[in-house]
Amino acid sequence: VTATDVDDGLYGHVKYSFKKIPEKASQIFQLDADTGTISLLRILDYEEEDSYELEVQAYDGGGHFDTTNVV
């Protein structure tokens, strides 16, 4: 995921976190707090689960944030 902020300094630096993630998904997906890159911790198995929904939050140093759903 990607978010941008036009502010300078700390107020313009965007970080990422999972706001809402099911327990099972937290054992499969990893989110890089600096880049917003979501990666797998293990191979997906369609027979185990056919989809996942993750809620990702982007926030800046000024306390502003936005969220998105990743399916």
N, C-alpha and C. Protein backbone atom coordinates (compact mmCIF):
# COMPACT_ATOMS: atom_id res chain seq x y z
N VAL A 1 0.85 -1.18 0.00
CA VAL A 1 0.00 0.00 0.00
C VAL A 1 0.88 1.22 0.00
N THR A 2 0.34 2.34 -0.50
CA THR A 2 1.12 3.57 -0.56
C THR A 2 0.25 4.75 -0.15
N ALA A 3 0.83 5.62 0.66
CA ALA A 3 0.18 6.87 1.04
C ALA A 3 1.24 7.97 0.97
N THR A 4 0.81 9.17 0.67
CA THR A 4 1.75 10.30 0.62
C THR A 4 1.24 11.44 1.49
N ASP A 5 2.17 12.26 1.95
CA ASP A 5 1.86 13.44 2.74
C ASP A 5 2.81 14.54 2.28
N VAL A 6 2.28 15.69 1.94
CA VAL A 6 3.10 16.77 1.38
C VAL A 6 3.81 17.60 2.44
N ASP A 7 3.56 17.36 3.72
CA ASP A 7 4.23 18.12 4.78
C ASP A 7 5.72 17.80 4.82
N ASP A 8 6.49 18.71 5.41
CA ASP A 8 7.93 18.53 5.58
C ASP A 8 8.22 17.85 6.91
N GLY A 9 9.39 17.22 6.98
CA GLY A 9 9.88 16.65 8.23
C GLY A 9 9.02 15.53 8.77
N LEU A 10 8.96 15.49 10.11
CA LEU A 10 8.23 14.43 10.81
C LEU A 10 6.76 14.37 10.39
N TYR A 11 6.15 15.51 10.14
CA TYR A 11 4.73 15.54 9.79
C TYR A 11 4.46 14.94 8.41
N GLY A 12 5.48 14.83 7.59
CA GLY A 12 5.32 14.26 6.26
C GLY A 12 5.75 12.82 6.13
N HIS A 13 6.32 12.28 7.20
CA HIS A 13 6.81 10.89 7.16
C HIS A 13 5.65 9.94 7.46
N VAL A 14 5.30 9.09 6.50
CA VAL A 14 4.17 8.17 6.63
C VAL A 14 4.65 6.80 7.10
N LYS A 15 3.97 6.26 8.10
CA LYS A 15 4.22 4.90 8.60
C LYS A 15 2.95 4.09 8.39
N TYR A 16 3.08 2.78 8.42
CA TYR A 16 1.97 1.88 8.15
C TYR A 16 1.84 0.84 9.27
N SER A 17 0.59 0.42 9.52
CA SER A 17 0.35 -0.66 10.48
C SER A 17 -0.96 -1.35 10.13
N PHE A 18 -1.08 -2.58 10.59
CA PHE A 18 -2.36 -3.26 10.47
C PHE A 18 -3.26 -2.68 11.56
N LYS A 19 -4.41 -2.19 11.16
CA LYS A 19 -5.38 -1.69 12.14
C LYS A 19 -6.27 -2.84 12.60
N LYS A 20 -6.65 -3.67 11.65
CA LYS A 20 -7.51 -4.81 11.96
C LYS A 20 -7.05 -5.97 11.09
N ILE A 21 -6.70 -7.07 11.73
CA ILE A 21 -6.24 -8.25 11.00
C ILE A 21 -6.69 -9.49 11.77
N PRO A 22 -7.35 -10.43 11.11
CA PRO A 22 -7.76 -11.66 11.80
C PRO A 22 -6.54 -12.43 12.32
N GLU A 23 -6.72 -13.14 13.41
CA GLU A 23 -5.63 -13.89 14.03
C GLU A 23 -4.92 -14.81 13.04
N LYS A 24 -5.69 -15.54 12.24
CA LYS A 24 -5.10 -16.46 11.26
C LYS A 24 -4.25 -15.68 10.24
N ALA A 25 -4.75 -14.54 9.80
CA ALA A 25 -4.02 -13.73 8.81
C ALA A 25 -2.74 -13.15 9.39
N SER A 26 -2.72 -12.86 10.68
CA SER A 26 -1.52 -12.28 11.29
C SER A 26 -0.35 -13.27 11.29
N GLN A 27 -0.66 -14.56 11.13
CA GLN A 27 0.38 -15.58 11.06
C GLN A 27 0.86 -15.81 9.62
N ILE A 28 0.20 -15.13 8.66
CA ILE A 28 0.52 -15.33 7.24
C ILE A 28 1.10 -14.06 6.60
N PHE A 29 0.59 -12.90 7.00
CA PHE A 29 0.98 -11.64 6.36
C PHE A 29 1.81 -10.78 7.29
N GLN A 30 2.78 -10.08 6.68
CA GLN A 30 3.65 -9.16 7.41
C GLN A 30 3.62 -7.82 6.69
N LEU A 31 3.58 -6.73 7.43
CA LEU A 31 3.53 -5.38 6.86
C LEU A 31 4.77 -4.62 7.28
N ASP A 32 5.51 -4.09 6.30
CA ASP A 32 6.67 -3.26 6.59
C ASP A 32 6.17 -1.87 6.98
N ALA A 33 6.45 -1.44 8.20
CA ALA A 33 5.93 -0.17 8.72
C ALA A 33 6.45 1.04 7.96
N ASP A 34 7.62 0.94 7.34
CA ASP A 34 8.21 2.08 6.62
C ASP A 34 7.80 2.17 5.16
N THR A 35 7.62 1.02 4.51
CA THR A 35 7.35 1.03 3.07
C THR A 35 5.90 0.72 2.70
N GLY A 36 5.15 0.08 3.60
CA GLY A 36 3.79 -0.34 3.29
C GLY A 36 3.72 -1.64 2.52
N THR A 37 4.86 -2.30 2.35
CA THR A 37 4.91 -3.57 1.62
C THR A 37 4.32 -4.70 2.47
N ILE A 38 3.38 -5.43 1.89
CA ILE A 38 2.81 -6.59 2.55
C ILE A 38 3.45 -7.83 1.95
N SER A 39 3.99 -8.69 2.79
CA SER A 39 4.63 -9.91 2.29
C SER A 39 4.09 -11.12 3.04
N LEU A 40 4.37 -12.28 2.48
CA LEU A 40 3.90 -13.54 3.06
C LEU A 40 4.94 -14.13 4.01
N LEU A 41 4.47 -14.66 5.13
CA LEU A 41 5.33 -15.37 6.06
C LEU A 41 5.36 -16.86 5.73
N ARG A 42 4.34 -17.30 4.99
CA ARG A 42 4.28 -18.69 4.53
C ARG A 42 3.42 -18.76 3.27
N ILE A 43 3.41 -19.90 2.63
CA ILE A 43 2.65 -20.10 1.39
C ILE A 43 1.15 -20.09 1.69
N LEU A 44 0.37 -19.47 0.80
CA LEU A 44 -1.08 -19.48 0.93
C LEU A 44 -1.64 -20.83 0.49
N ASP A 45 -2.69 -21.26 1.16
CA ASP A 45 -3.35 -22.52 0.83
C ASP A 45 -4.83 -22.23 0.62
N TYR A 46 -5.29 -22.27 -0.62
CA TYR A 46 -6.67 -21.96 -0.97
C TYR A 46 -7.65 -22.88 -0.25
N GLU A 47 -7.26 -24.11 0.01
CA GLU A 47 -8.14 -25.05 0.70
C GLU A 47 -8.31 -24.70 2.18
N GLU A 48 -7.34 -24.00 2.72
CA GLU A 48 -7.40 -23.57 4.12
C GLU A 48 -8.27 -22.32 4.26
N GLU A 49 -8.10 -21.37 3.36
CA GLU A 49 -8.85 -20.10 3.37
C GLU A 49 -8.82 -19.56 1.95
N ASP A 50 -10.00 -19.14 1.44
CA ASP A 50 -10.04 -18.69 0.05
C ASP A 50 -9.82 -17.18 -0.11
N SER A 51 -9.87 -16.41 0.99
CA SER A 51 -9.55 -14.98 0.91
C SER A 51 -9.27 -14.44 2.31
N TYR A 52 -8.61 -13.31 2.35
CA TYR A 52 -8.30 -12.62 3.60
C TYR A 52 -8.62 -11.15 3.41
N GLU A 53 -9.06 -10.50 4.47
CA GLU A 53 -9.28 -9.06 4.43
C GLU A 53 -8.47 -8.43 5.56
N LEU A 54 -7.59 -7.50 5.17
CA LEU A 54 -6.72 -6.82 6.12
C LEU A 54 -7.04 -5.34 6.09
N GLU A 55 -7.09 -4.70 7.24
CA GLU A 55 -7.29 -3.26 7.29
C GLU A 55 -5.95 -2.62 7.64
N VAL A 56 -5.46 -1.78 6.73
CA VAL A 56 -4.16 -1.14 6.88
C VAL A 56 -4.36 0.35 7.15
N GLN A 57 -3.59 0.88 8.10
CA GLN A 57 -3.66 2.29 8.44
C GLN A 57 -2.33 2.95 8.11
N ALA A 58 -2.42 4.11 7.43
CA ALA A 58 -1.24 4.95 7.18
C ALA A 58 -1.38 6.17 8.07
N TYR A 59 -0.30 6.56 8.74
CA TYR A 59 -0.37 7.71 9.65
C TYR A 59 0.92 8.52 9.58
N ASP A 60 0.80 9.80 9.87
CA ASP A 60 1.97 10.68 9.84
C ASP A 60 2.32 11.13 11.26
N GLY A 61 3.39 11.90 11.37
CA GLY A 61 3.85 12.38 12.68
C GLY A 61 2.94 13.42 13.30
N GLY A 62 2.01 13.95 12.55
CA GLY A 62 1.09 14.96 13.06
C GLY A 62 -0.21 14.38 13.58
N GLY A 63 -0.34 13.07 13.59
CA GLY A 63 -1.55 12.44 14.11
C GLY A 63 -2.65 12.23 13.10
N HIS A 64 -2.38 12.53 11.84
CA HIS A 64 -3.37 12.29 10.79
C HIS A 64 -3.23 10.85 10.28
N PHE A 65 -4.34 10.26 9.87
CA PHE A 65 -4.28 8.89 9.39
C PHE A 65 -5.41 8.63 8.40
N ASP A 66 -5.26 7.55 7.67
CA ASP A 66 -6.31 7.05 6.79
C ASP A 66 -6.18 5.54 6.75
N THR A 67 -7.27 4.87 6.41
CA THR A 67 -7.26 3.42 6.37
C THR A 67 -7.77 2.92 5.03
N THR A 68 -7.37 1.70 4.71
CA THR A 68 -7.86 1.04 3.50
C THR A 68 -7.98 -0.45 3.78
N ASN A 69 -8.83 -1.11 3.03
CA ASN A 69 -8.96 -2.55 3.13
C ASN A 69 -8.20 -3.20 1.98
N VAL A 70 -7.47 -4.25 2.31
CA VAL A 70 -6.74 -5.05 1.32
C VAL A 70 -7.36 -6.43 1.35
N VAL A 71 -7.86 -6.89 0.20
CA VAL A 71 -8.48 -8.21 0.13
C VAL A 71 -7.64 -9.10 -0.75
